Amino acid sequence: MEHIIGEFLAHLGLAGLSLGLAGSAIGLAIAGSAACGMRDEARSAGLAVSVLPGTQGLYSFTVGFMCLGPLDEGRYATVFACGLLTGVACLFSGWWQGRVCAAGIKSINAERMSTAQAMLLAVFPEFYAILALAFSALMLVG
């Protein structure tokens, strides 16, 4: 019975990684919506900023892939913790990064900010997704 509960929790943690995928989708939709209204001459700069929230989905996928070995080894608690940690961190990071990117895109369009400045601001919410990825990687390989 204990094995079944552990396996259930591990799979629940893996399912939690879908939150990170959702965070990317939300962030991409927010930033992409802002890019749609840009002037023609500024649109390429806006598109470059609008794709940044997509990385949270990649981090979630990476952690999911890294969980396959520990799942086979029966390290259920680790898989649960990593899935939940990364999924929740990437959900909020991607969502809020999309909002920061949208504001940056609007500022680029209004010529109040450069592309580099908008990208720099977008890095701050991303940093916490990177921390979740790094911590999960350390737990999974250790």
N, C-alpha and C. Protein backbone atom coordinates (compact mmCIF):
# COMPACT_ATOMS: atom_id res chain seq x y z
N MET A 1 0.83 -1.20 0.00
CA MET A 1 0.00 0.00 0.00
C MET A 1 0.87 1.26 0.00
N GLU A 2 1.96 1.24 0.78
CA GLU A 2 2.85 2.39 0.85
C GLU A 2 3.47 2.68 -0.51
N HIS A 3 3.81 1.63 -1.25
CA HIS A 3 4.38 1.77 -2.59
C HIS A 3 3.38 2.44 -3.54
N ILE A 4 2.13 2.07 -3.43
CA ILE A 4 1.10 2.63 -4.31
C ILE A 4 0.90 4.11 -4.02
N ILE A 5 0.89 4.47 -2.74
CA ILE A 5 0.72 5.88 -2.37
C ILE A 5 1.92 6.69 -2.86
N GLY A 6 3.12 6.15 -2.67
CA GLY A 6 4.33 6.83 -3.13
C GLY A 6 4.33 7.03 -4.64
N GLU A 7 3.94 6.00 -5.37
CA GLU A 7 3.88 6.11 -6.82
C GLU A 7 2.82 7.11 -7.26
N PHE A 8 1.69 7.12 -6.57
CA PHE A 8 0.64 8.09 -6.87
C PHE A 8 1.15 9.52 -6.67
N LEU A 9 1.83 9.76 -5.55
CA LEU A 9 2.36 11.10 -5.27
C LEU A 9 3.41 11.50 -6.30
N ALA A 10 4.24 10.55 -6.71
CA ALA A 10 5.25 10.86 -7.73
C ALA A 10 4.58 11.28 -9.03
N HIS A 11 3.56 10.57 -9.43
CA HIS A 11 2.85 10.93 -10.65
C HIS A 11 2.09 12.24 -10.49
N LEU A 12 1.63 12.52 -9.30
CA LEU A 12 0.99 13.80 -9.03
C LEU A 12 2.02 14.93 -9.19
N GLY A 13 3.23 14.69 -8.70
CA GLY A 13 4.30 15.67 -8.89
C GLY A 13 4.62 15.90 -10.35
N LEU A 14 4.65 14.81 -11.12
CA LEU A 14 4.88 14.94 -12.57
C LEU A 14 3.75 15.73 -13.22
N ALA A 15 2.53 15.47 -12.79
CA ALA A 15 1.39 16.22 -13.32
C ALA A 15 1.50 17.70 -12.95
N GLY A 16 2.11 17.99 -11.78
CA GLY A 16 2.30 19.37 -11.36
C GLY A 16 3.18 20.16 -12.32
N LEU A 17 4.01 19.45 -13.08
CA LEU A 17 4.85 20.14 -14.06
C LEU A 17 4.01 20.79 -15.15
N SER A 18 2.78 20.32 -15.32
CA SER A 18 1.90 20.95 -16.32
C SER A 18 1.59 22.40 -15.94
N LEU A 19 1.71 22.72 -14.67
CA LEU A 19 1.52 24.12 -14.24
C LEU A 19 2.58 25.02 -14.89
N GLY A 20 3.80 24.51 -15.01
CA GLY A 20 4.85 25.27 -15.68
C GLY A 20 4.57 25.46 -17.15
N LEU A 21 4.01 24.43 -17.77
CA LEU A 21 3.63 24.55 -19.18
C LEU A 21 2.52 25.58 -19.33
N ALA A 22 1.57 25.56 -18.39
CA ALA A 22 0.48 26.54 -18.42
C ALA A 22 1.01 27.95 -18.21
N GLY A 23 1.99 28.10 -17.31
CA GLY A 23 2.59 29.42 -17.07
C GLY A 23 3.20 29.98 -18.34
N SER A 24 3.88 29.13 -19.10
CA SER A 24 4.45 29.57 -20.37
C SER A 24 3.35 29.99 -21.34
N ALA A 25 2.32 29.18 -21.44
CA ALA A 25 1.23 29.49 -22.37
C ALA A 25 0.56 30.82 -22.00
N ILE A 26 0.32 31.02 -20.71
CA ILE A 26 -0.30 32.28 -20.26
C ILE A 26 0.62 33.46 -20.56
N GLY A 27 1.89 33.32 -20.19
CA GLY A 27 2.85 34.40 -20.42
C GLY A 27 3.02 34.73 -21.90
N LEU A 28 3.09 33.68 -22.72
CA LEU A 28 3.21 33.90 -24.17
C LEU A 28 1.98 34.60 -24.74
N ALA A 29 0.80 34.24 -24.24
CA ALA A 29 -0.43 34.88 -24.72
C ALA A 29 -0.47 36.36 -24.32
N ILE A 30 -0.06 36.66 -23.10
CA ILE A 30 -0.05 38.05 -22.65
C ILE A 30 0.94 38.88 -23.46
N ALA A 31 2.16 38.38 -23.58
CA ALA A 31 3.19 39.12 -24.31
C ALA A 31 2.88 39.18 -25.80
N GLY A 32 2.39 38.07 -26.35
CA GLY A 32 2.06 38.05 -27.78
C GLY A 32 0.93 39.01 -28.11
N SER A 33 -0.03 39.14 -27.21
CA SER A 33 -1.13 40.08 -27.42
C SER A 33 -0.61 41.51 -27.50
N ALA A 34 0.37 41.82 -26.67
CA ALA A 34 0.95 43.16 -26.69
C ALA A 34 1.70 43.40 -27.99
N ALA A 35 2.38 42.38 -28.49
CA ALA A 35 3.15 42.53 -29.72
C ALA A 35 2.26 42.73 -30.94
N CYS A 36 1.05 42.23 -30.87
CA CYS A 36 0.13 42.36 -32.02
C CYS A 36 -0.19 43.81 -32.35
N GLY A 37 -0.15 44.68 -31.37
CA GLY A 37 -0.52 46.08 -31.61
C GLY A 37 0.65 46.99 -31.90
N MET A 38 1.80 46.43 -32.20
CA MET A 38 2.98 47.27 -32.41
C MET A 38 3.03 47.88 -33.81
N ARG A 39 3.76 49.00 -33.87
CA ARG A 39 4.02 49.61 -35.17
C ARG A 39 4.87 48.65 -36.00
N ASP A 40 4.75 48.71 -37.31
CA ASP A 40 5.48 47.80 -38.19
C ASP A 40 6.99 47.86 -37.96
N GLU A 41 7.54 49.05 -37.82
CA GLU A 41 9.00 49.20 -37.69
C GLU A 41 9.52 48.72 -36.33
N ALA A 42 8.66 48.56 -35.34
CA ALA A 42 9.09 48.11 -34.01
C ALA A 42 8.69 46.66 -33.73
N ARG A 43 7.93 46.06 -34.64
CA ARG A 43 7.35 44.73 -34.37
C ARG A 43 8.40 43.65 -34.14
N SER A 44 9.51 43.66 -34.88
CA SER A 44 10.51 42.60 -34.69
C SER A 44 11.12 42.66 -33.29
N ALA A 45 11.31 43.86 -32.76
CA ALA A 45 11.82 44.00 -31.39
C ALA A 45 10.80 43.47 -30.39
N GLY A 46 9.54 43.74 -30.64
CA GLY A 46 8.49 43.24 -29.76
C GLY A 46 8.36 41.74 -29.81
N LEU A 47 8.52 41.16 -30.98
CA LEU A 47 8.45 39.70 -31.10
C LEU A 47 9.59 39.03 -30.34
N ALA A 48 10.77 39.64 -30.37
CA ALA A 48 11.91 39.08 -29.64
C ALA A 48 11.62 39.02 -28.14
N VAL A 49 10.98 40.04 -27.61
CA VAL A 49 10.64 40.08 -26.19
C VAL A 49 9.46 39.15 -25.88
N SER A 50 8.54 39.02 -26.82
CA SER A 50 7.31 38.26 -26.54
C SER A 50 7.54 36.76 -26.38
N VAL A 51 8.64 36.22 -26.87
CA VAL A 51 8.88 34.77 -26.77
C VAL A 51 9.55 34.35 -25.46
N LEU A 52 9.97 35.29 -24.66
CA LEU A 52 10.72 34.97 -23.44
C LEU A 52 9.96 34.07 -22.45
N PRO A 53 8.66 34.24 -22.24
CA PRO A 53 7.98 33.36 -21.29
C PRO A 53 7.92 31.88 -21.70
N GLY A 54 8.33 31.57 -22.90
CA GLY A 54 8.32 30.18 -23.35
C GLY A 54 9.34 29.30 -22.65
N THR A 55 10.30 29.89 -21.99
CA THR A 55 11.35 29.10 -21.35
C THR A 55 10.85 28.30 -20.15
N GLN A 56 9.84 28.80 -19.46
CA GLN A 56 9.33 28.07 -18.29
C GLN A 56 8.78 26.71 -18.68
N GLY A 57 8.18 26.61 -19.84
CA GLY A 57 7.72 25.32 -20.33
C GLY A 57 8.89 24.39 -20.60
N LEU A 58 9.98 24.94 -21.12
CA LEU A 58 11.18 24.13 -21.35
C LEU A 58 11.78 23.64 -20.04
N TYR A 59 11.77 24.49 -19.02
CA TYR A 59 12.30 24.07 -17.71
C TYR A 59 11.45 22.95 -17.13
N SER A 60 10.14 23.08 -17.24
CA SER A 60 9.24 22.03 -16.73
C SER A 60 9.46 20.72 -17.47
N PHE A 61 9.60 20.80 -18.78
CA PHE A 61 9.85 19.60 -19.57
C PHE A 61 11.18 18.95 -19.16
N THR A 62 12.20 19.78 -18.96
CA THR A 62 13.51 19.27 -18.58
C THR A 62 13.45 18.54 -17.25
N VAL A 63 12.78 19.13 -16.27
CA VAL A 63 12.66 18.48 -14.97
C VAL A 63 11.86 17.19 -15.09
N GLY A 64 10.82 17.20 -15.89
CA GLY A 64 10.04 15.98 -16.11
C GLY A 64 10.90 14.87 -16.69
N PHE A 65 11.72 15.22 -17.64
CA PHE A 65 12.62 14.24 -18.25
C PHE A 65 13.64 13.73 -17.23
N MET A 66 14.14 14.65 -16.40
CA MET A 66 15.13 14.26 -15.38
C MET A 66 14.49 13.39 -14.29
N CYS A 67 13.19 13.46 -14.12
CA CYS A 67 12.49 12.67 -13.10
C CYS A 67 12.32 11.21 -13.49
N LEU A 68 12.49 10.88 -14.75
CA LEU A 68 12.22 9.51 -15.20
C LEU A 68 13.13 8.49 -14.52
N GLY A 69 14.41 8.81 -14.37
CA GLY A 69 15.33 7.89 -13.70
C GLY A 69 14.97 7.69 -12.23
N PRO A 70 14.85 8.76 -11.46
CA PRO A 70 14.45 8.61 -10.06
C PRO A 70 13.09 7.93 -9.87
N LEU A 71 12.18 8.13 -10.81
CA LEU A 71 10.88 7.45 -10.74
C LEU A 71 11.08 5.94 -10.84
N ASP A 72 11.92 5.51 -11.77
CA ASP A 72 12.22 4.08 -11.91
C ASP A 72 12.95 3.52 -10.69
N GLU A 73 13.72 4.38 -10.02
CA GLU A 73 14.47 3.96 -8.84
C GLU A 73 13.60 3.94 -7.58
N GLY A 74 12.38 4.41 -7.67
CA GLY A 74 11.50 4.43 -6.51
C GLY A 74 11.69 5.63 -5.61
N ARG A 75 12.33 6.68 -6.11
CA ARG A 75 12.53 7.91 -5.32
C ARG A 75 11.30 8.80 -5.50
N TYR A 76 10.19 8.33 -4.99
CA TYR A 76 8.90 8.97 -5.23
C TYR A 76 8.78 10.34 -4.58
N ALA A 77 9.28 10.48 -3.37
CA ALA A 77 9.17 11.76 -2.68
C ALA A 77 9.96 12.84 -3.41
N THR A 78 11.12 12.50 -3.94
CA THR A 78 11.94 13.45 -4.68
C THR A 78 11.23 13.88 -5.96
N VAL A 79 10.66 12.94 -6.68
CA VAL A 79 9.94 13.25 -7.91
C VAL A 79 8.75 14.16 -7.61
N PHE A 80 8.02 13.84 -6.54
CA PHE A 80 6.87 14.67 -6.15
C PHE A 80 7.33 16.09 -5.85
N ALA A 81 8.37 16.22 -5.03
CA ALA A 81 8.85 17.54 -4.62
C ALA A 81 9.35 18.34 -5.82
N CYS A 82 10.12 17.72 -6.68
CA CYS A 82 10.67 18.44 -7.84
C CYS A 82 9.57 18.86 -8.81
N GLY A 83 8.61 17.98 -9.03
CA GLY A 83 7.52 18.32 -9.94
C GLY A 83 6.69 19.47 -9.42
N LEU A 84 6.36 19.42 -8.16
CA LEU A 84 5.54 20.47 -7.57
C LEU A 84 6.31 21.79 -7.49
N LEU A 85 7.55 21.73 -7.04
CA LEU A 85 8.38 22.93 -6.93
C LEU A 85 8.53 23.62 -8.28
N THR A 86 8.93 22.86 -9.27
CA THR A 86 9.17 23.45 -10.59
C THR A 86 7.88 23.90 -11.24
N GLY A 87 6.83 23.10 -11.13
CA GLY A 87 5.56 23.46 -11.75
C GLY A 87 4.99 24.76 -11.22
N VAL A 88 4.97 24.90 -9.90
CA VAL A 88 4.41 26.12 -9.30
C VAL A 88 5.29 27.33 -9.59
N ALA A 89 6.61 27.17 -9.46
CA ALA A 89 7.53 28.29 -9.72
C ALA A 89 7.41 28.75 -11.17
N CYS A 90 7.34 27.81 -12.10
CA CYS A 90 7.26 28.17 -13.52
C CYS A 90 5.89 28.73 -13.89
N LEU A 91 4.84 28.30 -13.21
CA LEU A 91 3.52 28.87 -13.46
C LEU A 91 3.54 30.37 -13.19
N PHE A 92 3.97 30.74 -12.00
CA PHE A 92 3.94 32.16 -11.63
C PHE A 92 5.02 32.96 -12.35
N SER A 93 6.18 32.36 -12.54
CA SER A 93 7.25 33.05 -13.25
C SER A 93 6.84 33.35 -14.69
N GLY A 94 6.29 32.36 -15.38
CA GLY A 94 5.88 32.58 -16.77
C GLY A 94 4.75 33.58 -16.89
N TRP A 95 3.79 33.47 -16.00
CA TRP A 95 2.65 34.37 -16.01
C TRP A 95 3.10 35.82 -15.81
N TRP A 96 3.89 36.05 -14.77
CA TRP A 96 4.31 37.41 -14.48
C TRP A 96 5.37 37.91 -15.45
N GLN A 97 6.16 37.00 -15.98
CA GLN A 97 7.11 37.43 -17.00
C GLN A 97 6.35 37.91 -18.24
N GLY A 98 5.25 37.26 -18.56
CA GLY A 98 4.43 37.72 -19.67
C GLY A 98 3.92 39.13 -19.47
N ARG A 99 3.55 39.44 -18.25
CA ARG A 99 3.08 40.80 -17.94
C ARG A 99 4.22 41.81 -18.06
N VAL A 100 5.40 41.44 -17.56
CA VAL A 100 6.56 42.34 -17.67
C VAL A 100 6.94 42.53 -19.14
N CYS A 101 6.91 41.44 -19.90
CA CYS A 101 7.22 41.53 -21.33
C CYS A 101 6.21 42.42 -22.06
N ALA A 102 4.93 42.28 -21.73
CA ALA A 102 3.90 43.10 -22.36
C ALA A 102 4.14 44.58 -22.08
N ALA A 103 4.49 44.90 -20.84
CA ALA A 103 4.79 46.30 -20.51
C ALA A 103 6.02 46.79 -21.27
N GLY A 104 7.02 45.93 -21.37
CA GLY A 104 8.22 46.29 -22.13
C GLY A 104 7.91 46.48 -23.61
N ILE A 105 7.07 45.63 -24.16
CA ILE A 105 6.69 45.74 -25.57
C ILE A 105 5.96 47.06 -25.82
N LYS A 106 5.07 47.42 -24.91
CA LYS A 106 4.36 48.70 -25.05
C LYS A 106 5.33 49.87 -24.95
N SER A 107 6.33 49.75 -24.09
CA SER A 107 7.33 50.81 -23.96
C SER A 107 8.23 50.90 -25.18
N ILE A 108 8.57 49.75 -25.76
CA ILE A 108 9.35 49.76 -27.01
C ILE A 108 8.54 50.44 -28.11
N ASN A 109 7.28 50.10 -28.20
CA ASN A 109 6.41 50.67 -29.23
C ASN A 109 6.28 52.18 -29.08
N ALA A 110 6.29 52.66 -27.84
CA ALA A 110 6.18 54.10 -27.58
C ALA A 110 7.54 54.79 -27.57
N GLU A 111 8.60 54.03 -27.89
CA GLU A 111 9.98 54.53 -27.93
C GLU A 111 10.44 55.09 -26.59
N ARG A 112 9.98 54.50 -25.50
CA ARG A 112 10.42 54.90 -24.16
C ARG A 112 11.46 53.94 -23.60
N MET A 113 11.68 52.80 -24.29
CA MET A 113 12.58 51.78 -23.79
C MET A 113 13.17 51.04 -24.98
N SER A 114 14.41 50.57 -24.80
CA SER A 114 15.04 49.76 -25.85
C SER A 114 14.68 48.29 -25.66
N THR A 115 14.95 47.50 -26.67
CA THR A 115 14.71 46.06 -26.58
C THR A 115 15.55 45.44 -25.47
N ALA A 116 16.79 45.86 -25.38
CA ALA A 116 17.69 45.32 -24.35
C ALA A 116 17.16 45.63 -22.95
N GLN A 117 16.64 46.83 -22.74
CA GLN A 117 16.09 47.19 -21.44
C GLN A 117 14.86 46.35 -21.11
N ALA A 118 14.00 46.13 -22.09
CA ALA A 118 12.81 45.31 -21.87
C ALA A 118 13.20 43.87 -21.54
N MET A 119 14.20 43.35 -22.24
CA MET A 119 14.67 41.98 -21.97
C MET A 119 15.31 41.88 -20.60
N LEU A 120 16.04 42.90 -20.21
CA LEU A 120 16.67 42.89 -18.88
C LEU A 120 15.61 42.81 -17.79
N LEU A 121 14.55 43.59 -17.90
CA LEU A 121 13.48 43.55 -16.91
C LEU A 121 12.78 42.19 -16.90
N ALA A 122 12.67 41.57 -18.07
CA ALA A 122 12.00 40.27 -18.17
C ALA A 122 12.82 39.15 -17.53
N VAL A 123 14.10 39.37 -17.33
CA VAL A 123 14.96 38.35 -16.73
C VAL A 123 14.63 38.15 -15.25
N PHE A 124 14.18 39.17 -14.57
CA PHE A 124 13.96 39.07 -13.13
C PHE A 124 12.93 38.02 -12.73
N PRO A 125 11.73 37.97 -13.33
CA PRO A 125 10.82 36.88 -12.96
C PRO A 125 11.34 35.52 -13.42
N GLU A 126 12.08 35.49 -14.51
CA GLU A 126 12.64 34.25 -15.03
C GLU A 126 13.65 33.63 -14.06
N PHE A 127 14.34 34.47 -13.33
CA PHE A 127 15.38 34.01 -12.40
C PHE A 127 14.83 32.98 -11.42
N TYR A 128 13.60 33.14 -11.00
CA TYR A 128 13.03 32.22 -10.02
C TYR A 128 12.66 30.88 -10.64
N ALA A 129 12.32 30.87 -11.90
CA ALA A 129 12.14 29.59 -12.60
C ALA A 129 13.48 28.88 -12.75
N ILE A 130 14.53 29.65 -13.02
CA ILE A 130 15.87 29.07 -13.13
C ILE A 130 16.31 28.48 -11.80
N LEU A 131 16.00 29.17 -10.70
CA LEU A 131 16.33 28.63 -9.37
C LEU A 131 15.60 27.33 -9.12
N ALA A 132 14.33 27.25 -9.49
CA ALA A 132 13.56 26.01 -9.31
C ALA A 132 14.16 24.89 -10.15
N LEU A 133 14.54 25.19 -11.38
CA LEU A 133 15.18 24.19 -12.24
C LEU A 133 16.48 23.71 -11.62
N ALA A 134 17.30 24.64 -11.15
CA ALA A 134 18.59 24.27 -10.57
C ALA A 134 18.42 23.45 -9.30
N PHE A 135 17.51 23.85 -8.44
CA PHE A 135 17.30 23.12 -7.19
C PHE A 135 16.77 21.72 -7.47
N SER A 136 15.84 21.63 -8.41
CA SER A 136 15.30 20.31 -8.77
C SER A 136 16.39 19.42 -9.38
N ALA A 137 17.23 20.00 -10.22
CA ALA A 137 18.33 19.23 -10.81
C ALA A 137 19.27 18.71 -9.74
N LEU A 138 19.56 19.56 -8.76
CA LEU A 138 20.43 19.12 -7.65
C LEU A 138 19.80 17.98 -6.85
N MET A 139 18.50 18.08 -6.61
CA MET A 139 17.83 17.01 -5.86
C MET A 139 17.77 15.72 -6.67
N LEU A 140 17.59 15.83 -7.97
CA LEU A 140 17.42 14.63 -8.79
C LEU A 140 18.72 13.90 -9.06
N VAL A 141 19.81 14.62 -9.17
CA VAL A 141 21.10 13.96 -9.45
C VAL A 141 21.85 13.60 -8.19
N GLY A 142 21.44 14.18 -7.07
CA GLY A 142 22.16 13.95 -5.81
C GLY A 142 21.73 12.74 -5.05
